[in-house]
All heavy atoms as atom14 arrays in JSON, in Angstrom:
{
  "sequence": "AATKVAYLEAPGEKGVLFEFIEGEGTRQLFIEGRAAAKTWD",
  "atom14_mask": [
    [1, 1, 1, 1, 1, 0, 0, 0, 0, 0, 0, 0, 0, 0],
    [1, 1, 1, 1, 1, 0, 0, 0, 0, 0, 0, 0, 0, 0],
    [1, 1, 1, 1, 1, 1, 1, 0, 0, 0, 0, 0, 0, 0],
    [1, 1, 1, 1, 1, 1, 1, 1, 1, 0, 0, 0, 0, 0],
    [1, 1, 1, 1, 1, 1, 1, 0, 0, 0, 0, 0, 0, 0],
    [1, 1, 1, 1, 1, 0, 0, 0, 0, 0, 0, 0, 0, 0],
    [1, 1, 1, 1, 1, 1, 1, 1, 1, 1, 1, 1, 0, 0],
    [1, 1, 1, 1, 1, 1, 1, 1, 0, 0, 0, 0, 0, 0],
    [1, 1, 1, 1, 1, 1, 1, 1, 1, 0, 0, 0, 0, 0],
    [1, 1, 1, 1, 1, 0, 0, 0, 0, 0, 0, 0, 0, 0],
    [1, 1, 1, 1, 1, 1, 1, 0, 0, 0, 0, 0, 0, 0],
    [1, 1, 1, 1, 0, 0, 0, 0, 0, 0, 0, 0, 0, 0],
    [1, 1, 1, 1, 1, 1, 1, 1, 1, 0, 0, 0, 0, 0],
    [1, 1, 1, 1, 1, 1, 1, 1, 1, 0, 0, 0, 0, 0],
    [1, 1, 1, 1, 0, 0, 0, 0, 0, 0, 0, 0, 0, 0],
    [1, 1, 1, 1, 1, 1, 1, 0, 0, 0, 0, 0, 0, 0],
    [1, 1, 1, 1, 1, 1, 1, 1, 0, 0, 0, 0, 0, 0],
    [1, 1, 1, 1, 1, 1, 1, 1, 1, 1, 1, 0, 0, 0],
    [1, 1, 1, 1, 1, 1, 1, 1, 1, 0, 0, 0, 0, 0],
    [1, 1, 1, 1, 1, 1, 1, 1, 1, 1, 1, 0, 0, 0],
    [1, 1, 1, 1, 1, 1, 1, 1, 0, 0, 0, 0, 0, 0],
    [1, 1, 1, 1, 1, 1, 1, 1, 1, 0, 0, 0, 0, 0],
    [1, 1, 1, 1, 0, 0, 0, 0, 0, 0, 0, 0, 0, 0],
    [1, 1, 1, 1, 1, 1, 1, 1, 1, 0, 0, 0, 0, 0],
    [1, 1, 1, 1, 0, 0, 0, 0, 0, 0, 0, 0, 0, 0],
    [1, 1, 1, 1, 1, 1, 1, 0, 0, 0, 0, 0, 0, 0],
    [1, 1, 1, 1, 1, 1, 1, 1, 1, 1, 1, 0, 0, 0],
    [1, 1, 1, 1, 1, 1, 1, 1, 1, 0, 0, 0, 0, 0],
    [1, 1, 1, 1, 1, 1, 1, 1, 0, 0, 0, 0, 0, 0],
    [1, 1, 1, 1, 1, 1, 1, 1, 1, 1, 1, 0, 0, 0],
    [1, 1, 1, 1, 1, 1, 1, 1, 0, 0, 0, 0, 0, 0],
    [1, 1, 1, 1, 1, 1, 1, 1, 1, 0, 0, 0, 0, 0],
    [1, 1, 1, 1, 0, 0, 0, 0, 0, 0, 0, 0, 0, 0],
    [1, 1, 1, 1, 1, 1, 1, 1, 1, 1, 1, 0, 0, 0],
    [1, 1, 1, 1, 1, 0, 0, 0, 0, 0, 0, 0, 0, 0],
    [1, 1, 1, 1, 1, 0, 0, 0, 0, 0, 0, 0, 0, 0],
    [1, 1, 1, 1, 1, 0, 0, 0, 0, 0, 0, 0, 0, 0],
    [1, 1, 1, 1, 1, 1, 1, 1, 1, 0, 0, 0, 0, 0],
    [1, 1, 1, 1, 1, 1, 1, 0, 0, 0, 0, 0, 0, 0],
    [1, 1, 1, 1, 1, 1, 1, 1, 1, 1, 1, 1, 1, 1],
    [1, 1, 1, 1, 1, 1, 1, 1, 0, 0, 0, 0, 0, 0]
  ],
  "atom14_positions": [
    [[-80.8, 211.43, -78.01], [-81.87, 210.75, -77.27], [-81.74, 210.93, -75.77], [-82.76, 210.84, -75.06], [-81.89, 209.27, -77.64], [0.0, 0.0, 0.0], [0.0, 0.0, 0.0], [0.0, 0.0, 0.0], [0.0, 0.0, 0.0], [0.0, 0.0, 0.0], [0.0, 0.0, 0.0], [0.0, 0.0, 0.0], [0.0, 0.0, 0.0], [0.0, 0.0, 0.0]],
    [[-80.57, 211.18, -75.25], [-80.35, 211.23, -73.8], [-80.36, 212.63, -73.2], [-80.69, 212.8, -72.04], [-79.04, 210.54, -73.45], [0.0, 0.0, 0.0], [0.0, 0.0, 0.0], [0.0, 0.0, 0.0], [0.0, 0.0, 0.0], [0.0, 0.0, 0.0], [0.0, 0.0, 0.0], [0.0, 0.0, 0.0], [0.0, 0.0, 0.0], [0.0, 0.0, 0.0]],
    [[-79.97, 213.63, -73.97], [-79.78, 214.94, -73.38], [-80.01, 216.06, -74.39], [-79.9, 215.86, -75.59], [-78.36, 215.04, -72.76], [-78.28, 216.21, -71.95], [-77.3, 215.08, -73.81], [0.0, 0.0, 0.0], [0.0, 0.0, 0.0], [0.0, 0.0, 0.0], [0.0, 0.0, 0.0], [0.0, 0.0, 0.0], [0.0, 0.0, 0.0], [0.0, 0.0, 0.0]],
    [[-80.29, 217.26, -73.85], [-80.37, 218.48, -74.65], [-79.51, 219.51, -73.93], [-79.55, 219.61, -72.7], [-81.81, 218.99, -74.73], [-82.76, 218.08, -75.44], [-84.13, 218.69, -75.73], [-84.79, 219.4, -74.61], [-86.16, 219.85, -74.9], [0.0, 0.0, 0.0], [0.0, 0.0, 0.0], [0.0, 0.0, 0.0], [0.0, 0.0, 0.0], [0.0, 0.0, 0.0]],
    [[-78.77, 220.29, -74.71], [-77.92, 221.33, -74.14], [-78.05, 222.62, -74.92], [-78.41, 222.62, -76.09], [-76.42, 220.91, -74.08], [-76.25, 219.62, -73.29], [-75.84, 220.79, -75.47], [0.0, 0.0, 0.0], [0.0, 0.0, 0.0], [0.0, 0.0, 0.0], [0.0, 0.0, 0.0], [0.0, 0.0, 0.0], [0.0, 0.0, 0.0], [0.0, 0.0, 0.0]],
    [[-77.76, 223.71, -74.24], [-77.63, 225.01, -74.9], [-76.45, 225.74, -74.29], [-76.27, 225.73, -73.06], [-78.9, 225.83, -74.71], [0.0, 0.0, 0.0], [0.0, 0.0, 0.0], [0.0, 0.0, 0.0], [0.0, 0.0, 0.0], [0.0, 0.0, 0.0], [0.0, 0.0, 0.0], [0.0, 0.0, 0.0], [0.0, 0.0, 0.0], [0.0, 0.0, 0.0]],
    [[-75.61, 226.33, -75.14], [-74.51, 227.17, -74.69], [-74.89, 228.59, -75.04], [-75.34, 228.88, -76.15], [-73.21, 226.84, -75.43], [-72.52, 225.54, -75.09], [-73.03, 224.63, -74.19], [-71.33, 225.23, -75.71], [-72.37, 223.45, -73.9], [-70.64, 224.05, -75.43], [-71.19, 223.17, -74.53], [-70.51, 222.01, -74.25], [0.0, 0.0, 0.0], [0.0, 0.0, 0.0]],
    [[-74.64, 229.48, -74.11], [-74.96, 230.9, -74.31], [-73.75, 231.75, -73.99], [-72.91, 231.4, -73.16], [-76.11, 231.32, -73.42], [-77.47, 230.67, -73.77], [-77.67, 229.36, -73.02], [-78.61, 231.61, -73.48], [0.0, 0.0, 0.0], [0.0, 0.0, 0.0], [0.0, 0.0, 0.0], [0.0, 0.0, 0.0], [0.0, 0.0, 0.0], [0.0, 0.0, 0.0]],
    [[-73.7, 232.91, -74.67], [-72.7, 233.93, -74.36], [-73.39, 235.04, -73.58], [-74.57, 235.34, -73.84], [-72.15, 234.55, -75.65], [-71.3, 233.62, -76.48], [-70.86, 234.27, -77.78], [-71.6, 235.13, -78.35], [-69.8, 233.92, -78.27], [0.0, 0.0, 0.0], [0.0, 0.0, 0.0], [0.0, 0.0, 0.0], [0.0, 0.0, 0.0], [0.0, 0.0, 0.0]],
    [[-72.67, 235.62, -72.67], [-73.18, 236.77, -71.92], [-72.38, 238.0, -72.33], [-71.18, 237.91, -72.54], [-73.03, 236.53, -70.42], [0.0, 0.0, 0.0], [0.0, 0.0, 0.0], [0.0, 0.0, 0.0], [0.0, 0.0, 0.0], [0.0, 0.0, 0.0], [0.0, 0.0, 0.0], [0.0, 0.0, 0.0], [0.0, 0.0, 0.0], [0.0, 0.0, 0.0]],
    [[-73.07, 239.15, -72.45], [-72.37, 240.36, -72.83], [-71.23, 240.64, -71.83], [-71.43, 240.52, -70.61], [-73.43, 241.43, -72.74], [-74.73, 240.74, -72.68], [-74.48, 239.37, -72.17], [0.0, 0.0, 0.0], [0.0, 0.0, 0.0], [0.0, 0.0, 0.0], [0.0, 0.0, 0.0], [0.0, 0.0, 0.0], [0.0, 0.0, 0.0], [0.0, 0.0, 0.0]],
    [[-70.06, 240.98, -72.34], [-68.93, 241.32, -71.5], [-68.22, 240.15, -70.87], [-67.31, 240.35, -70.07], [0.0, 0.0, 0.0], [0.0, 0.0, 0.0], [0.0, 0.0, 0.0], [0.0, 0.0, 0.0], [0.0, 0.0, 0.0], [0.0, 0.0, 0.0], [0.0, 0.0, 0.0], [0.0, 0.0, 0.0], [0.0, 0.0, 0.0], [0.0, 0.0, 0.0]],
    [[-68.6, 238.93, -71.2], [-67.97, 237.74, -70.61], [-67.28, 236.93, -71.72], [-67.7, 235.82, -72.03], [-69.01, 236.87, -69.89], [-69.64, 237.51, -68.71], [-68.69, 237.63, -67.52], [-67.73, 236.84, -67.42], [-68.92, 238.52, -66.71], [0.0, 0.0, 0.0], [0.0, 0.0, 0.0], [0.0, 0.0, 0.0], [0.0, 0.0, 0.0], [0.0, 0.0, 0.0]],
    [[-66.26, 237.47, -72.3], [-65.54, 236.79, -73.39], [-64.76, 235.6, -72.84], [-64.2, 235.65, -71.76], [-64.62, 237.75, -74.1], [-65.37, 238.81, -74.87], [-64.47, 239.45, -75.89], [-65.22, 240.5, -76.64], [-65.79, 240.06, -77.85], [0.0, 0.0, 0.0], [0.0, 0.0, 0.0], [0.0, 0.0, 0.0], [0.0, 0.0, 0.0], [0.0, 0.0, 0.0]],
    [[-64.7, 234.54, -73.65], [-63.86, 233.42, -73.32], [-64.51, 232.32, -72.49], [-63.89, 231.28, -72.28], [0.0, 0.0, 0.0], [0.0, 0.0, 0.0], [0.0, 0.0, 0.0], [0.0, 0.0, 0.0], [0.0, 0.0, 0.0], [0.0, 0.0, 0.0], [0.0, 0.0, 0.0], [0.0, 0.0, 0.0], [0.0, 0.0, 0.0], [0.0, 0.0, 0.0]],
    [[-65.72, 232.5, -72.06], [-66.42, 231.43, -71.34], [-67.88, 231.38, -71.78], [-68.49, 232.43, -72.04], [-66.32, 231.59, -69.81], [-67.07, 232.79, -69.3], [-66.79, 230.34, -69.09], [0.0, 0.0, 0.0], [0.0, 0.0, 0.0], [0.0, 0.0, 0.0], [0.0, 0.0, 0.0], [0.0, 0.0, 0.0], [0.0, 0.0, 0.0], [0.0, 0.0, 0.0]],
    [[-68.37, 230.19, -71.93], [-69.78, 230.02, -72.29], [-70.54, 229.53, -71.05], [-69.96, 228.99, -70.11], [-69.91, 229.0, -73.41], [-69.31, 229.43, -74.75], [-69.34, 228.27, -75.75], [-70.03, 230.66, -75.31], [0.0, 0.0, 0.0], [0.0, 0.0, 0.0], [0.0, 0.0, 0.0], [0.0, 0.0, 0.0], [0.0, 0.0, 0.0], [0.0, 0.0, 0.0]],
    [[-71.83, 229.72, -71.09], [-72.72, 229.28, -70.02], [-73.63, 228.2, -70.62], [-74.32, 228.45, -71.6], [-73.54, 230.47, -69.5], [-72.63, 231.55, -68.95], [-72.13, 232.54, -69.77], [-72.22, 231.52, -67.62], [-71.26, 233.51, -69.28], [-71.36, 232.49, -67.11], [-70.89, 233.48, -67.96], [0.0, 0.0, 0.0], [0.0, 0.0, 0.0], [0.0, 0.0, 0.0]],
    [[-73.61, 227.03, -70.01], [-74.34, 225.89, -70.54], [-75.49, 225.51, -69.62], [-75.32, 225.53, -68.4], [-73.41, 224.68, -70.74], [-74.14, 223.45, -71.26], [-73.28, 222.21, -71.32], [-72.28, 222.12, -70.6], [-73.63, 221.31, -72.11], [0.0, 0.0, 0.0], [0.0, 0.0, 0.0], [0.0, 0.0, 0.0], [0.0, 0.0, 0.0], [0.0, 0.0, 0.0]],
    [[-76.58, 225.13, -70.23], [-77.71, 224.54, -69.51], [-77.96, 223.17, -70.08], [-77.92, 222.97, -71.3], [-78.95, 225.45, -69.61], [-78.71, 226.8, -69.0], [-78.51, 227.92, -69.82], [-78.62, 226.98, -67.64], [-78.25, 229.15, -69.3], [-78.37, 228.24, -67.08], [-78.19, 229.32, -67.91], [0.0, 0.0, 0.0], [0.0, 0.0, 0.0], [0.0, 0.0, 0.0]],
    [[-78.2, 222.2, -69.2], [-78.31, 220.8, -69.57], [-79.61, 220.22, -69.08], [-79.96, 220.35, -67.91], [-77.16, 219.97, -68.94], [-75.79, 220.6, -69.23], [-77.22, 218.52, -69.39], [-74.68, 220.1, -68.32], [0.0, 0.0, 0.0], [0.0, 0.0, 0.0], [0.0, 0.0, 0.0], [0.0, 0.0, 0.0], [0.0, 0.0, 0.0], [0.0, 0.0, 0.0]],
    [[-80.34, 219.56, -69.97], [-81.57, 218.85, -69.59], [-81.49, 217.43, -70.11], [-81.1, 217.17, -71.24], [-82.79, 219.53, -70.23], [-84.11, 218.82, -69.95], [-85.27, 219.36, -70.73], [-85.23, 220.51, -71.23], [-86.24, 218.59, -70.91], [0.0, 0.0, 0.0], [0.0, 0.0, 0.0], [0.0, 0.0, 0.0], [0.0, 0.0, 0.0], [0.0, 0.0, 0.0]],
    [[-81.88, 216.49, -69.25], [-81.93, 215.09, -69.67], [-82.45, 214.24, -68.52], [-82.06, 214.45, -67.37], [0.0, 0.0, 0.0], [0.0, 0.0, 0.0], [0.0, 0.0, 0.0], [0.0, 0.0, 0.0], [0.0, 0.0, 0.0], [0.0, 0.0, 0.0], [0.0, 0.0, 0.0], [0.0, 0.0, 0.0], [0.0, 0.0, 0.0], [0.0, 0.0, 0.0]],
    [[-83.32, 213.28, -68.85], [-83.89, 212.47, -67.82], [-82.85, 211.73, -66.97], [-82.96, 211.71, -65.76], [-84.87, 211.44, -68.44], [-86.19, 212.02, -68.8], [-87.18, 210.97, -69.22], [-87.17, 209.87, -68.63], [-87.96, 211.25, -70.13], [0.0, 0.0, 0.0], [0.0, 0.0, 0.0], [0.0, 0.0, 0.0], [0.0, 0.0, 0.0], [0.0, 0.0, 0.0]],
    [[-81.85, 211.17, -67.62], [-80.85, 210.42, -66.88], [-79.71, 211.27, -66.37], [-78.91, 210.82, -65.56], [0.0, 0.0, 0.0], [0.0, 0.0, 0.0], [0.0, 0.0, 0.0], [0.0, 0.0, 0.0], [0.0, 0.0, 0.0], [0.0, 0.0, 0.0], [0.0, 0.0, 0.0], [0.0, 0.0, 0.0], [0.0, 0.0, 0.0], [0.0, 0.0, 0.0]],
    [[-79.64, 212.52, -66.82], [-78.5, 213.38, -66.48], [-78.49, 213.66, -64.96], [-77.42, 213.59, -64.33], [-78.55, 214.66, -67.28], [-78.55, 214.36, -68.66], [-77.34, 215.54, -66.97], [0.0, 0.0, 0.0], [0.0, 0.0, 0.0], [0.0, 0.0, 0.0], [0.0, 0.0, 0.0], [0.0, 0.0, 0.0], [0.0, 0.0, 0.0], [0.0, 0.0, 0.0]],
    [[-79.58, 214.03, -64.38], [-79.63, 214.33, -62.94], [-79.21, 213.11, -62.14], [-78.45, 213.2, -61.19], [-81.0, 214.82, -62.54], [-81.01, 215.42, -61.12], [-82.22, 216.26, -60.85], [-82.45, 217.35, -61.75], [-81.85, 218.56, -61.7], [-80.97, 218.78, -60.76], [-82.14, 219.5, -62.55], [0.0, 0.0, 0.0], [0.0, 0.0, 0.0], [0.0, 0.0, 0.0]],
    [[-79.68, 211.92, -62.55], [-79.31, 210.68, -61.86], [-77.82, 210.41, -62.0], [-77.15, 209.99, -61.05], [-80.13, 209.5, -62.36], [-79.95, 208.24, -61.55], [-80.37, 208.4, -60.09], [-81.32, 209.1, -59.76], [-79.67, 207.72, -59.2], [0.0, 0.0, 0.0], [0.0, 0.0, 0.0], [0.0, 0.0, 0.0], [0.0, 0.0, 0.0], [0.0, 0.0, 0.0]],
    [[-77.26, 210.66, -63.19], [-75.83, 210.53, -63.39], [-75.04, 211.4, -62.44], [-74.03, 210.97, -61.86], [-75.47, 210.86, -64.84], [-73.98, 210.89, -65.19], [-73.43, 209.46, -65.2], [-73.78, 211.54, -66.56], [0.0, 0.0, 0.0], [0.0, 0.0, 0.0], [0.0, 0.0, 0.0], [0.0, 0.0, 0.0], [0.0, 0.0, 0.0], [0.0, 0.0, 0.0]],
    [[-75.5, 212.63, -62.22], [-74.83, 213.53, -61.3], [-74.93, 213.02, -59.87], [-73.94, 213.06, -59.11], [-75.44, 214.95, -61.4], [-74.76, 215.8, -62.43], [-74.92, 215.58, -63.78], [-73.97, 216.87, -62.02], [-74.31, 216.39, -64.72], [-73.35, 217.68, -62.96], [-73.52, 217.44, -64.31], [0.0, 0.0, 0.0], [0.0, 0.0, 0.0], [0.0, 0.0, 0.0]],
    [[-76.1, 212.56, -59.46], [-76.27, 212.03, -58.11], [-75.32, 210.83, -57.87], [-74.62, 210.78, -56.86], [-77.75, 211.62, -57.85], [-78.62, 212.88, -57.82], [-77.9, 210.79, -56.59], [-80.12, 212.59, -57.89], [0.0, 0.0, 0.0], [0.0, 0.0, 0.0], [0.0, 0.0, 0.0], [0.0, 0.0, 0.0], [0.0, 0.0, 0.0], [0.0, 0.0, 0.0]],
    [[-75.31, 209.94, -58.81], [-74.44, 208.74, -58.68], [-72.96, 209.11, -58.75], [-72.14, 208.55, -58.0], [-74.8, 207.71, -59.76], [-76.16, 207.11, -59.58], [-76.62, 206.26, -60.75], [-75.82, 206.05, -61.71], [-77.79, 205.84, -60.75], [0.0, 0.0, 0.0], [0.0, 0.0, 0.0], [0.0, 0.0, 0.0], [0.0, 0.0, 0.0], [0.0, 0.0, 0.0]],
    [[-72.61, 210.04, -59.63], [-71.19, 210.46, -59.74], [-70.68, 211.16, -58.47], [-69.56, 210.9, -58.04], [0.0, 0.0, 0.0], [0.0, 0.0, 0.0], [0.0, 0.0, 0.0], [0.0, 0.0, 0.0], [0.0, 0.0, 0.0], [0.0, 0.0, 0.0], [0.0, 0.0, 0.0], [0.0, 0.0, 0.0], [0.0, 0.0, 0.0], [0.0, 0.0, 0.0]],
    [[-71.52, 212.01, -57.91], [-71.14, 212.67, -56.66], [-70.92, 211.67, -55.56], [-69.95, 211.75, -54.79], [-72.21, 213.69, -56.26], [-72.24, 214.91, -57.16], [-73.46, 215.78, -56.86], [-73.43, 216.97, -57.7], [-74.52, 217.6, -58.12], [-75.72, 217.16, -57.76], [-74.42, 218.67, -58.86], [0.0, 0.0, 0.0], [0.0, 0.0, 0.0], [0.0, 0.0, 0.0]],
    [[-71.83, 210.71, -55.43], [-71.73, 209.68, -54.39], [-70.46, 208.82, -54.59], [-69.74, 208.53, -53.64], [-72.98, 208.81, -54.38], [0.0, 0.0, 0.0], [0.0, 0.0, 0.0], [0.0, 0.0, 0.0], [0.0, 0.0, 0.0], [0.0, 0.0, 0.0], [0.0, 0.0, 0.0], [0.0, 0.0, 0.0], [0.0, 0.0, 0.0], [0.0, 0.0, 0.0]],
    [[-70.21, 208.45, -55.86], [-69.04, 207.61, -56.15], [-67.75, 208.36, -55.82], [-66.79, 207.76, -55.28], [-69.05, 207.18, -57.61], [0.0, 0.0, 0.0], [0.0, 0.0, 0.0], [0.0, 0.0, 0.0], [0.0, 0.0, 0.0], [0.0, 0.0, 0.0], [0.0, 0.0, 0.0], [0.0, 0.0, 0.0], [0.0, 0.0, 0.0], [0.0, 0.0, 0.0]],
    [[-67.68, 209.65, -56.1], [-66.47, 210.44, -55.83], [-66.21, 210.55, -54.32], [-65.04, 210.52, -53.91], [-66.62, 211.83, -56.44], [0.0, 0.0, 0.0], [0.0, 0.0, 0.0], [0.0, 0.0, 0.0], [0.0, 0.0, 0.0], [0.0, 0.0, 0.0], [0.0, 0.0, 0.0], [0.0, 0.0, 0.0], [0.0, 0.0, 0.0], [0.0, 0.0, 0.0]],
    [[-67.24, 210.62, -53.54], [-67.07, 210.77, -52.08], [-66.53, 209.51, -51.43], [-65.9, 209.57, -50.37], [-68.39, 211.18, -51.45], [-68.76, 212.6, -51.78], [-70.09, 213.04, -51.22], [-70.34, 214.48, -51.66], [-71.65, 214.92, -51.44], [0.0, 0.0, 0.0], [0.0, 0.0, 0.0], [0.0, 0.0, 0.0], [0.0, 0.0, 0.0], [0.0, 0.0, 0.0]],
    [[-66.74, 208.34, -52.06], [-66.32, 207.09, -51.45], [-65.23, 206.4, -52.26], [-64.82, 205.29, -51.93], [-67.5, 206.12, -51.29], [-68.06, 205.86, -52.6], [-68.57, 206.73, -50.38], [0.0, 0.0, 0.0], [0.0, 0.0, 0.0], [0.0, 0.0, 0.0], [0.0, 0.0, 0.0], [0.0, 0.0, 0.0], [0.0, 0.0, 0.0], [0.0, 0.0, 0.0]],
    [[-64.71, 207.05, -53.29], [-63.75, 206.44, -54.2], [-62.45, 206.15, -53.49], [-61.86, 207.03, -52.84], [-63.51, 207.33, -55.41], [-62.66, 206.73, -56.47], [-62.83, 205.51, -57.06], [-61.5, 207.31, -57.07], [-61.86, 205.31, -58.02], [-61.01, 206.39, -58.03], [-60.83, 208.51, -56.89], [-59.91, 206.64, -58.79], [-59.72, 208.76, -57.65], [-59.26, 207.85, -58.6]],
    [[-61.94, 204.92, -53.61], [-60.7, 204.51, -52.96], [-59.52, 204.46, -53.93], [-58.44, 203.96, -53.57], [-60.9, 203.17, -52.27], [-61.2, 202.03, -53.25], [-61.22, 202.26, -54.47], [-61.45, 200.91, -52.76], [0.0, 0.0, 0.0], [0.0, 0.0, 0.0], [0.0, 0.0, 0.0], [0.0, 0.0, 0.0], [0.0, 0.0, 0.0], [0.0, 0.0, 0.0]]
  ]
}
């Protein structure tokens, strides 16, 4: 209900996947998380 993701492989790039993330609250979570990390004591 909160998010959709897709993992993809790229030719010649073994061992790592490329993920794309969509979700209404996800972008806000990132904004809040970045801000919290910058001021975390």
